[in-house]
Each structure stands twice: as structure tokens, then as C-alpha cells.
Amino acid sequence: MHPRVLLKNRKSGRIATIDEYRKSGGYQALENAFVKNDPSPGEIREILLEARLLGRGGAGFPIGKKMETVPENAPHPRYLVCNADEMEPGTFKDRVLIHADPHQLIEGIVLAARAIAAEIAVIFIRREYENAARILEREIQVARDAGLAGKNILGSNNDCELIVHRSAGRYICGEGTAVINALEGKRANPRRPPPYPTTSGLWQLPTEVQNVETLCCVPHVISNGAPWFRSLALTESGAGTKVFSVSGRVNHPGCFELPMGIRLSELIEKYAGGMIPGSRFKACMPGGASTRLMPGSMYHLRLDYSEMEENGYRLGTGAIMVFDHKTCLVQVAANLMTFFVRESCGWCTPCREGLPYILDLLNRIEAGQGRAEYIEMIRKMCGHMKYSFCAFAPGAVAPVQALIEDFHAEVTAHIENQGCPFKNRQSDENYAESHH
């Protein structure tokens, strides 16, 4: 069995209390940092950089490197934003982490804030996560009462006020600069750097934006050291564990904390209970809805940022959506595109006009009204998404690009048959067998 770090205090039906968290070593790193100045803010940054802790929210950028971009002479107050606006389809790890062990997140936030001398931390949480928001508000007060958050932490004359802010409910708010506009009460459009948020973010002040899972890793890295964290991974390039959100055609969907670098096949067969009876693996989304469809030829690929990038894929949020041989991937792509069309902020033309154009062509193909030239039309429009303002549109078309490249036969079958081969079970089985 692989060691559990982030979910070790997870108990069915209830959250871990502050006492339970402290018994497992919780808040020890915070006490050392604030009372003994060991590690100092600079040393916290160095440890995180040495540990190769990458952002777990999708981009995979080193947290230590991002912290180093906050200028030493930057003005105050400084802000840390914990991005809990978890709206990536197929992703539910952050909610599980908050419900399982909220003090792990609170300690991670306070330590990360100390590393950049931030006095205010804002948890920007998805509106639908009302239970999680209430848990955090309650447990933040418990931490304040214990002197572990708020004013004058543990008598150190250092502050870190934690605020829970409920999102208005748009997917684009998960983008690192759009969340800042949303917090300022503006339309949640992404910003084009420079300046970067770490120099001019919330209210034009230095702001660090990090994901829930990333911040949950921080106390463990500081307590156990960078070499320990790196040793948890199964690959040389990886570090730590990853919480995978697994859904789709598996027997046991759920959240699984496993070492970085575990093989996709092992995750599905050993931990998610394998494919449901009568099903065969056909494809998956390896990192949420904004990542490329991964075909069966990649079934044994290691789930690691570097190895996946070398093969043309992204680990993203670690949301594994599994599809079997009976699933119509044209319909999957159309369903995902419907979501992205609705959630686009509409700021730039390629995204605002291009995504509905692609969706219309996909719907025509799925409805039996497709023509051969539609494939090239979709390919060209996907290529135009690189001219959009932020990374939203390129991510939105990633599954579609994989569909027409890796599952071309399935798309052409829709066009040649003037309908979906998966509409009835008999043709479904015949098509699946002939294209297995």
C-alpha cells in the first residue's frame, strides 16, 4: 500500500477535529515557523522549491518559484488567495480535502502566507460548496481561538487573517487572474500580464494565488523536508502524492491519493475497482475537461507532469474521467463544448465566436447531418484558439483536437453512416467490436 499524506485523517461521515489533526503532527510546522522562526520565510520558500512542489490546480507551476517573484520591497498589505473555485468537470478533490481535514488547509495557508509576508488570506470557494464554506468558517475560528490564525499568531507579532469568500458561480473564476477581478467586484475576465499578480494583484497589491491541494501539501513538506516529499513519487521527475478524482465507467469512482507517477492502468484496476462488468477501456480525460482525450494506447502511461507532457498530455487537476467501448466520444466532446460555450467570459472573439461554431459542427455530426469537410473546419477553428486572450479556449478545444486526431475513424463513421453508431445497443456492439 502506498502511504497517504493528505487524506490520512479522512474518516467516513465526519471531519477531522483540530485535536485529531494535531495528534498526527499538525500545526507543528506552523509553531516552529512563528515561535522559533525555524524555518524563516526565506527558508520556507527554499524548502518548497527544493521539494519540487508543483501547483495541483492544473498548471503545474512550482510554488516556490512563484513565491520568489514577490519583491522583497513590495508594499503591504499582501494577499494570499486560496482558489477553491473547483468547477472543472470531473474534479472534486478539493471538496474532499476540505471536508476531510480543514486544519490541514488552514495551516498550509498560514505557512504560505508567512513565506511571502502576506497579512490577509482569502479562500475563494465555489458557491455550490456551501457545506465546505461553513466548515472552513467554523474551523478558522477554532484556529483563531487557539492562536494559530488571525492577529498576533502565537505571540509572534505576525498576522494572517483568513476570509472565506463565496464565488458568484462561473468556471472562468478558476483562472488565476480572473479570480482577482471577481474578488474586486468586477466582471471575472482574465488579466493579461505583465504585471503579474505577485507584483500587482488584488487591489494592485502583491497577491499569490494557489490551489487547495497545493496548499494542503505545504505543512507536510515543511515538517518532513524536501527529500522526503520527493521520495514519495514513483518517478525521478515527480514529487509527492496526487489526489485523483476518478469518475466514469469504473466500479468504484472516488478520490484516491496515490504517488505521483503511478500508472493509469494501476489506478483504474487496483484502486477504482476496474471497468464495470462488460466494459473495456476506450479512452479517458486524464486531467479534467480541458485536457486531451487519452486513447487506449496510453493505458499504461505514468501519471506524472513531465512524462505526460512528453507524450502530449497534461495531468491538469488529476480528474480521470473514464470512457468504455460503448461511449460515443463525439457526444462526449459535444457535451464538454456545451459547458465551455456557456462558461466563456466572452471577452475575445476566437473564444466567443469559435467555440459555438465548433459545438454546432459537433452537434450536426452527432445528429447525422455531418459532412466530410466538417472535420477540417473543426481542425482549423481549433487552431485559431491560440490567438485568444487566456488559456481557457485552448483548453476547451483540447478534447476536440484529440477526438479528430486519435479517434478519426469514429468521427468519419458518424458522417458515413449519417448518424451515431452508438444510438442502439446492437449497432453499438458491432461498431465497438469492429473498431477495438
Protein backbone atom coordinates (compact mmCIF):
# COMPACT_ATOMS: atom_id res chain seq x y z
CA MET A 1 0.00 0.00 0.00
CA HIS A 2 1.16 3.49 -0.80
CA PRO A 3 1.38 6.00 2.09
CA ARG A 4 -1.39 8.54 2.48
CA VAL A 5 -0.37 12.08 3.38
CA LEU A 6 -3.19 14.50 2.56
CA LEU A 7 -6.02 12.06 3.28
CA LYS A 8 -4.54 10.23 6.28
CA ASN A 9 -7.08 11.84 8.64
CA ARG A 10 -10.04 11.16 6.37
CA LYS A 11 -12.90 9.46 8.21
CA SER A 12 -16.23 8.43 6.78
CA GLY A 13 -19.05 10.80 7.64
CA ARG A 14 -17.16 13.44 9.64
CA ILE A 15 -14.28 15.89 9.52
CA ALA A 16 -11.04 15.67 11.48
CA THR A 17 -11.03 17.93 14.55
CA ILE A 18 -8.16 20.25 15.46
CA ASP A 19 -7.10 17.80 18.20
CA GLU A 20 -7.00 14.90 15.77
CA TYR A 21 -5.02 16.98 13.31
CA ARG A 22 -2.51 17.99 15.99
CA LYS A 23 -2.10 14.37 17.14
CA SER A 24 -0.97 13.49 13.63
CA GLY A 25 1.69 16.23 13.70
CA GLY A 26 -0.49 19.08 12.55
CA TYR A 27 0.45 22.69 13.33
CA GLN A 28 3.98 21.65 14.39
CA ALA A 29 5.49 23.33 11.33
CA LEU A 30 3.44 26.46 11.98
CA GLU A 31 4.55 26.63 15.62
CA ASN A 32 8.20 26.25 14.65
CA ALA A 33 7.91 28.90 11.95
CA PHE A 34 6.17 31.52 14.08
CA VAL A 35 7.70 30.87 17.51
CA LYS A 36 11.25 29.79 16.63
CA ASN A 37 11.47 31.37 13.15
CA ASP A 38 12.60 27.92 12.03
CA PRO A 39 12.12 27.85 9.14
CA SER A 40 12.21 31.55 8.31
CA PRO A 41 10.06 32.90 5.45
CA GLY A 42 13.00 32.66 3.07
CA GLU A 43 13.73 29.10 4.18
CA ILE A 44 10.08 28.11 3.61
CA ARG A 45 10.40 29.27 0.02
CA GLU A 46 13.69 27.39 -0.41
CA ILE A 47 12.26 24.14 1.03
CA LEU A 48 9.22 24.29 -1.25
CA LEU A 49 11.44 24.97 -4.26
CA GLU A 50 13.79 22.11 -3.38
CA ALA A 51 10.81 19.80 -2.84
CA ARG A 52 9.64 20.44 -6.41
CA LEU A 53 6.09 21.01 -5.21
CA LEU A 54 4.12 21.89 -8.33
CA GLY A 55 0.74 23.61 -8.37
CA ARG A 56 -2.01 20.99 -8.20
CA GLY A 57 -4.71 23.20 -9.72
CA GLY A 58 -3.87 22.43 -13.35
CA ALA A 59 -0.88 24.49 -14.49
CA GLY A 60 1.80 22.59 -12.55
CA PHE A 61 3.96 25.66 -11.86
CA PRO A 62 6.46 25.37 -8.94
CA ILE A 63 5.00 27.06 -5.86
CA GLY A 64 8.45 28.05 -4.57
CA LYS A 65 9.33 29.76 -7.84
CA LYS A 66 6.06 31.71 -7.81
CA MET A 67 6.72 32.84 -4.23
CA GLU A 68 10.14 34.14 -5.25
CA THR A 69 8.51 36.55 -7.71
CA VAL A 70 7.05 38.60 -4.84
CA PRO A 71 9.54 41.50 -4.50
CA GLU A 72 11.19 41.85 -1.08
CA ASN A 73 10.41 45.58 -1.03
CA ALA A 74 6.80 45.16 -2.24
CA PRO A 75 4.15 47.22 -0.41
CA HIS A 76 1.75 45.92 2.23
CA PRO A 77 -0.77 44.51 2.83
CA ARG A 78 -0.01 41.45 0.75
CA TYR A 79 -2.56 38.81 -0.11
CA LEU A 80 -2.68 35.05 -0.47
CA VAL A 81 -5.67 33.71 -2.41
CA CYS A 82 -6.63 30.06 -1.96
CA ASN A 83 -8.51 29.10 -5.11
CA ALA A 84 -11.26 26.67 -4.07
CA ASP A 85 -13.49 27.51 -7.04
CA GLU A 86 -13.49 23.89 -8.15
CA MET A 87 -15.61 23.88 -11.32
CA GLU A 88 -13.51 21.77 -13.71
CA PRO A 89 -15.88 18.97 -14.84
CA GLY A 90 -14.85 15.69 -13.26
CA THR A 91 -12.86 17.34 -10.46
CA PHE A 92 -13.93 17.02 -6.82
CA LYS A 93 -10.68 16.55 -4.88
CA ASP A 94 -10.64 19.97 -3.20
CA ARG A 95 -14.09 19.44 -1.69
CA VAL A 96 -12.96 16.08 -0.30
CA LEU A 97 -9.80 17.64 1.18
CA ILE A 98 -11.77 20.41 2.90
CA HIS A 99 -14.37 18.04 4.30
CA ALA A 100 -11.75 15.53 5.45
CA ASP A 101 -9.18 17.74 7.17
CA PRO A 102 -9.82 21.52 7.11
CA HIS A 103 -7.00 22.36 9.53
CA GLN A 104 -4.50 20.89 7.07
CA LEU A 105 -5.59 23.57 4.59
CA ILE A 106 -5.63 26.31 7.24
CA GLU A 107 -2.07 25.51 8.32
CA GLY A 108 -0.92 25.39 4.70
CA ILE A 109 -2.46 28.80 4.02
CA VAL A 110 -0.88 30.42 7.08
CA LEU A 111 2.57 28.96 6.27
CA ALA A 112 2.36 30.01 2.61
CA ALA A 113 1.25 33.48 3.68
CA ARG A 114 4.26 33.72 6.00
CA ALA A 115 6.59 32.81 3.14
CA ILE A 116 5.55 35.96 1.25
CA ALA A 117 4.77 38.10 4.33
CA ALA A 118 1.05 38.21 3.47
CA GLU A 119 -1.23 39.52 6.20
CA ILE A 120 -4.54 38.55 4.57
CA ALA A 121 -5.60 35.22 3.05
CA VAL A 122 -8.83 34.84 1.08
CA ILE A 123 -10.38 31.44 0.38
CA PHE A 124 -12.34 31.90 -2.85
CA ILE A 125 -14.75 28.96 -2.77
CA ARG A 126 -17.29 27.64 -5.25
CA ARG A 127 -20.80 28.81 -4.36
CA GLU A 128 -22.19 25.27 -4.53
CA TYR A 129 -19.73 24.22 -1.80
CA GLU A 130 -21.78 25.82 0.96
CA ASN A 131 -21.13 23.00 3.44
CA ALA A 132 -17.39 23.26 2.84
CA ALA A 133 -17.53 27.05 3.26
CA ARG A 134 -19.30 26.70 6.60
CA ILE A 135 -16.82 24.07 7.76
CA LEU A 136 -13.95 26.41 6.94
CA GLU A 137 -15.55 29.39 8.68
CA ARG A 138 -16.12 27.33 11.81
CA GLU A 139 -12.66 25.76 11.89
CA ILE A 140 -10.91 29.06 11.09
CA GLN A 141 -12.49 30.44 14.26
CA VAL A 142 -11.25 27.37 16.16
CA ALA A 143 -7.73 28.09 14.84
CA ARG A 144 -8.07 31.76 15.84
CA ASP A 145 -9.12 30.79 19.35
CA ALA A 146 -6.02 28.59 19.59
CA GLY A 147 -3.79 31.46 18.46
CA LEU A 148 -2.93 29.71 15.19
CA ALA A 149 -4.52 32.26 12.85
CA GLY A 150 -5.65 35.87 12.87
CA LYS A 151 -3.86 38.58 14.83
CA ASN A 152 -0.52 38.07 16.60
CA ILE A 153 -0.18 34.37 15.81
CA LEU A 154 1.30 32.51 18.82
CA GLY A 155 2.54 35.84 20.19
CA SER A 156 4.89 36.34 17.24
CA ASN A 157 3.54 39.78 16.30
CA ASN A 158 2.69 38.35 12.86
CA ASP A 159 -0.84 38.34 11.44
CA CYS A 160 -2.73 36.21 8.94
CA GLU A 161 -6.44 36.95 8.72
CA LEU A 162 -8.40 34.27 6.86
CA ILE A 163 -11.56 35.23 4.95
CA VAL A 164 -13.97 32.85 3.18
CA HIS A 165 -15.44 34.42 0.02
CA ARG A 166 -18.17 32.61 -1.91
CA SER A 167 -17.88 32.72 -5.70
CA ALA A 168 -20.70 34.07 -7.85
CA GLY A 169 -20.50 30.81 -9.75
CA ARG A 170 -18.57 30.96 -13.04
CA TYR A 171 -15.94 28.50 -14.25
CA ILE A 172 -13.68 31.29 -15.52
CA CYS A 173 -13.18 32.43 -11.91
CA GLY A 174 -10.83 29.50 -11.51
CA GLU A 175 -8.29 31.29 -13.73
CA GLY A 176 -5.61 32.89 -11.57
CA THR A 177 -6.21 36.50 -12.61
CA ALA A 178 -9.98 36.25 -13.17
CA VAL A 179 -10.36 35.31 -9.51
CA ILE A 180 -8.70 38.62 -8.58
CA ASN A 181 -11.15 40.61 -10.71
CA ALA A 182 -14.02 38.66 -9.15
CA LEU A 183 -12.79 39.48 -5.62
CA GLU A 184 -12.64 43.15 -6.55
CA GLY A 185 -16.29 43.01 -7.62
CA LYS A 186 -15.51 43.28 -11.32
CA ARG A 187 -16.50 41.09 -14.23
CA ALA A 188 -14.40 37.93 -13.94
CA ASN A 189 -12.30 38.45 -17.07
CA PRO A 190 -8.72 37.19 -17.04
CA ARG A 191 -5.95 39.79 -16.97
CA ARG A 192 -3.07 39.85 -19.43
CA PRO A 193 0.29 40.06 -17.61
CA PRO A 194 2.52 41.87 -17.02
CA PRO A 195 2.16 42.98 -14.32
CA TYR A 196 1.85 39.58 -12.70
CA PRO A 197 -0.37 39.14 -9.61
CA THR A 198 2.66 38.64 -7.37
CA THR A 199 3.64 42.25 -8.06
CA SER A 200 0.23 43.81 -8.72
CA GLY A 201 -2.76 41.63 -7.93
CA LEU A 202 -5.72 42.18 -5.62
CA TRP A 203 -6.22 45.96 -5.21
CA GLN A 204 -2.92 46.39 -7.14
CA LEU A 205 -1.03 44.80 -4.24
CA PRO A 206 1.19 41.67 -4.26
CA THR A 207 -1.02 38.57 -4.45
CA GLU A 208 -0.17 34.88 -4.55
CA VAL A 209 -2.87 32.54 -5.93
CA GLN A 210 -2.65 28.84 -5.09
CA ASN A 211 -4.92 25.80 -5.26
CA VAL A 212 -6.39 23.95 -2.25
CA GLU A 213 -4.42 20.74 -2.80
CA THR A 214 -1.17 22.64 -3.32
CA LEU A 215 -1.57 24.47 -0.01
CA CYS A 216 -2.52 21.23 1.78
CA CYS A 217 0.90 19.84 0.80
CA VAL A 218 2.81 22.74 2.38
CA PRO A 219 2.70 21.69 6.09
CA HIS A 220 3.90 18.18 5.25
CA VAL A 221 6.78 19.44 3.12
CA ILE A 222 7.91 21.86 5.84
CA SER A 223 7.58 19.24 8.62
CA ASN A 224 9.26 16.35 6.81
CA GLY A 225 11.64 18.08 4.42
CA ALA A 226 12.13 18.30 0.68
CA PRO A 227 13.95 14.94 0.21
CA TRP A 228 11.09 13.10 1.95
CA PHE A 229 8.50 14.76 -0.29
CA ARG A 230 10.43 13.93 -3.45
CA SER A 231 10.83 10.32 -2.31
CA LEU A 232 7.06 9.80 -2.26
CA ALA A 233 6.89 9.86 -6.07
CA LEU A 234 7.49 6.84 -8.29
CA THR A 235 9.39 8.81 -10.93
CA GLU A 236 12.60 10.83 -10.80
CA SER A 237 10.89 13.93 -12.15
CA GLY A 238 7.89 13.70 -9.83
CA ALA A 239 7.44 14.68 -6.20
CA GLY A 240 4.82 13.97 -3.56
CA THR A 241 1.41 12.40 -3.88
CA LYS A 242 -1.56 13.41 -6.01
CA VAL A 243 -5.26 13.23 -5.17
CA PHE A 244 -7.02 11.82 -8.23
CA SER A 245 -10.74 12.34 -8.84
CA VAL A 246 -11.90 9.23 -10.71
CA SER A 247 -15.31 9.01 -12.38
CA GLY A 248 -16.98 7.31 -15.30
CA ARG A 249 -17.23 3.65 -16.24
CA VAL A 250 -15.38 2.19 -13.25
CA ASN A 251 -16.69 0.09 -10.36
CA HIS A 252 -15.51 2.37 -7.56
CA PRO A 253 -15.37 6.05 -8.54
CA GLY A 254 -13.98 8.43 -5.93
CA CYS A 255 -10.89 10.25 -4.68
CA PHE A 256 -7.63 8.34 -4.37
CA GLU A 257 -4.37 9.73 -3.00
CA LEU A 258 -1.51 7.97 -4.77
CA PRO A 259 2.16 8.65 -5.52
CA MET A 260 2.96 10.94 -8.40
CA GLY A 261 3.96 8.72 -11.30
CA ILE A 262 1.52 5.85 -10.71
CA ARG A 263 0.39 4.18 -13.92
CA LEU A 264 -3.11 4.92 -15.21
CA SER A 265 -3.80 1.19 -15.52
CA GLU A 266 -2.92 0.57 -11.86
CA LEU A 267 -5.11 3.45 -10.71
CA ILE A 268 -8.12 2.10 -12.62
CA GLU A 269 -7.68 -1.62 -11.95
CA LYS A 270 -6.36 -1.67 -8.39
CA TYR A 271 -7.94 1.39 -6.78
CA ALA A 272 -11.03 2.27 -8.84
CA GLY A 273 -12.15 -1.37 -8.98
CA GLY A 274 -11.59 -1.83 -12.70
CA MET A 275 -14.04 -1.28 -15.54
CA ILE A 276 -17.71 -2.05 -14.90
CA PRO A 277 -18.77 -5.57 -15.98
CA GLY A 278 -18.97 -5.96 -19.74
CA SER A 279 -16.92 -2.84 -20.44
CA ARG A 280 -13.49 -2.27 -21.92
CA PHE A 281 -11.32 0.80 -21.55
CA LYS A 282 -11.55 3.04 -24.59
CA ALA A 283 -10.33 6.48 -23.51
CA CYS A 284 -10.13 8.88 -20.60
CA MET A 285 -9.72 12.53 -19.79
CA PRO A 286 -6.51 12.43 -17.71
CA GLY A 287 -6.70 15.85 -16.06
CA GLY A 288 -10.21 17.22 -16.29
CA ALA A 289 -12.40 18.51 -19.10
CA SER A 290 -9.75 20.85 -20.52
CA THR A 291 -7.23 18.10 -21.33
CA ARG A 292 -6.84 15.87 -24.39
CA LEU A 293 -8.70 12.58 -24.62
CA MET A 294 -6.19 9.81 -23.94
CA PRO A 295 -6.64 6.66 -26.08
CA GLY A 296 -6.19 3.06 -25.01
CA SER A 297 -2.62 3.02 -26.35
CA MET A 298 -1.70 5.22 -23.37
CA TYR A 299 -3.37 2.95 -20.79
CA HIS A 300 -0.08 2.21 -19.00
CA LEU A 301 1.27 5.78 -19.06
CA ARG A 302 2.60 7.13 -15.75
CA LEU A 303 0.54 9.97 -14.30
CA ASP A 304 3.33 12.47 -13.84
CA TYR A 305 3.59 16.06 -15.10
CA SER A 306 6.82 15.53 -17.06
CA GLU A 307 6.10 12.11 -18.55
CA MET A 308 2.61 13.13 -19.63
CA GLU A 309 3.86 16.33 -21.26
CA GLU A 310 6.48 14.33 -23.15
CA ASN A 311 3.62 12.27 -24.60
CA GLY A 312 1.45 15.28 -25.46
CA TYR A 313 -0.92 15.20 -22.48
CA ARG A 314 -1.49 17.23 -19.31
CA LEU A 315 -2.10 15.95 -15.80
CA GLY A 316 -4.16 19.06 -15.08
CA THR A 317 -6.24 18.66 -11.92
CA GLY A 318 -5.83 14.88 -11.89
CA ALA A 319 -9.51 14.31 -12.73
CA ILE A 320 -9.69 10.96 -14.53
CA MET A 321 -12.96 10.57 -16.48
CA VAL A 322 -13.06 7.02 -17.84
CA PHE A 323 -14.98 6.03 -21.00
CA ASP A 324 -15.67 2.49 -22.17
CA HIS A 325 -16.08 0.98 -25.63
CA LYS A 326 -19.82 1.78 -25.62
CA THR A 327 -19.28 5.53 -25.20
CA CYS A 328 -19.74 7.89 -28.14
CA LEU A 329 -16.79 10.27 -27.94
CA VAL A 330 -18.37 12.71 -30.40
CA GLN A 331 -21.19 13.15 -27.91
CA VAL A 332 -18.67 13.46 -25.07
CA ALA A 333 -16.86 16.24 -26.93
CA ALA A 334 -20.15 17.99 -27.71
CA ASN A 335 -21.26 17.81 -24.07
CA LEU A 336 -17.97 19.28 -22.89
CA MET A 337 -18.10 22.01 -25.54
CA THR A 338 -21.63 22.92 -24.40
CA PHE A 339 -20.18 23.57 -20.94
CA PHE A 340 -17.30 25.67 -22.25
CA VAL A 341 -19.54 27.74 -24.53
CA ARG A 342 -21.71 28.59 -21.54
CA GLU A 343 -18.78 29.37 -19.26
CA SER A 344 -16.74 31.53 -21.66
CA CYS A 345 -16.46 35.10 -20.40
CA GLY A 346 -16.96 36.31 -24.00
CA TRP A 347 -14.08 38.78 -23.82
CA CYS A 348 -12.24 37.78 -27.01
CA THR A 349 -13.51 36.86 -30.46
CA PRO A 350 -11.83 33.44 -31.02
CA CYS A 351 -13.37 32.06 -27.84
CA ARG A 352 -16.73 33.85 -28.01
CA GLU A 353 -17.41 33.02 -31.67
CA GLY A 354 -15.20 29.99 -32.27
CA LEU A 355 -16.44 27.68 -29.53
CA PRO A 356 -20.14 27.89 -30.54
CA TYR A 357 -19.04 27.30 -34.16
CA ILE A 358 -17.25 24.08 -33.15
CA LEU A 359 -20.20 22.99 -31.00
CA ASP A 360 -22.62 23.46 -33.91
CA LEU A 361 -20.50 21.26 -36.18
CA LEU A 362 -20.15 18.56 -33.49
CA ASN A 363 -23.91 18.54 -32.92
CA ARG A 364 -24.52 18.21 -36.67
CA ILE A 365 -22.12 15.26 -36.89
CA GLU A 366 -23.74 13.59 -33.88
CA ALA A 367 -27.25 14.16 -35.31
CA GLY A 368 -26.37 12.51 -38.63
CA GLN A 369 -26.10 15.77 -40.57
CA GLY A 370 -22.31 15.84 -40.80
CA ARG A 371 -20.25 16.29 -43.95
CA ALA A 372 -16.65 15.24 -44.57
CA GLU A 373 -15.42 18.84 -44.75
CA TYR A 374 -16.63 19.48 -41.20
CA ILE A 375 -13.59 17.68 -39.80
CA GLU A 376 -11.16 20.09 -41.45
CA MET A 377 -13.37 23.05 -40.49
CA ILE A 378 -13.22 21.96 -36.84
CA ARG A 379 -9.46 21.41 -37.05
CA LYS A 380 -8.86 24.91 -38.42
CA MET A 381 -11.11 26.59 -35.87
CA CYS A 382 -9.37 24.75 -33.02
CA GLY A 383 -6.08 26.14 -34.33
CA HIS A 384 -7.40 29.70 -34.05
CA MET A 385 -7.92 29.32 -30.29
CA LYS A 386 -4.23 30.05 -29.68
CA TYR A 387 -4.99 33.68 -30.50
CA SER A 388 -7.40 34.04 -27.59
CA PHE A 389 -6.72 36.20 -24.53
CA CYS A 390 -6.14 33.44 -21.96
CA ALA A 391 -5.74 29.65 -21.72
CA PHE A 392 -9.49 28.97 -21.49
CA ALA A 393 -10.15 28.43 -25.22
CA PRO A 394 -7.06 26.26 -25.93
CA GLY A 395 -8.10 24.06 -23.01
CA ALA A 396 -11.70 23.93 -24.20
CA VAL A 397 -10.73 22.57 -27.63
CA ALA A 398 -8.13 20.07 -26.34
CA PRO A 399 -10.63 17.16 -26.18
CA VAL A 400 -11.95 18.03 -29.66
CA GLN A 401 -8.46 18.11 -31.16
CA ALA A 402 -7.75 14.68 -29.68
CA LEU A 403 -11.10 13.42 -30.99
CA ILE A 404 -10.36 14.27 -34.63
CA GLU A 405 -6.72 13.14 -34.40
CA ASP A 406 -6.85 9.95 -32.30
CA PHE A 407 -10.46 8.86 -32.89
CA HIS A 408 -10.79 9.94 -36.52
CA ALA A 409 -12.46 6.65 -37.52
CA GLU A 410 -15.25 7.23 -35.03
CA VAL A 411 -15.93 10.72 -36.37
CA THR A 412 -15.94 9.57 -40.00
CA ALA A 413 -18.27 6.67 -39.08
CA HIS A 414 -20.81 9.23 -37.87
CA ILE A 415 -20.56 11.07 -41.19
CA GLU A 416 -20.59 8.00 -43.46
CA ASN A 417 -23.49 6.37 -41.60
CA GLN A 418 -25.36 9.68 -41.32
CA GLY A 419 -25.90 9.00 -37.63
CA CYS A 420 -24.31 7.91 -34.38
CA PRO A 421 -23.17 4.25 -34.40
CA PHE A 422 -23.83 4.11 -30.65
CA LYS A 423 -27.53 5.05 -30.72
CA ASN A 424 -28.78 1.48 -30.24
CA ARG A 425 -27.09 -1.29 -28.34
CA GLN A 426 -26.82 -3.72 -31.28
CA SER A 427 -25.04 -1.29 -33.60
CA ASP A 428 -23.08 -0.15 -30.55
CA GLU A 429 -21.65 -3.63 -30.01
CA ASN A 430 -20.96 -4.17 -33.72
CA TYR A 431 -19.19 -0.84 -34.07
CA ALA A 432 -17.22 -1.30 -30.85
CA GLU A 433 -16.06 -4.77 -31.92
CA SER A 434 -15.01 -3.60 -35.40
CA HIS A 435 -13.04 -0.63 -34.02
CA HIS A 436 -11.48 -2.26 -30.94
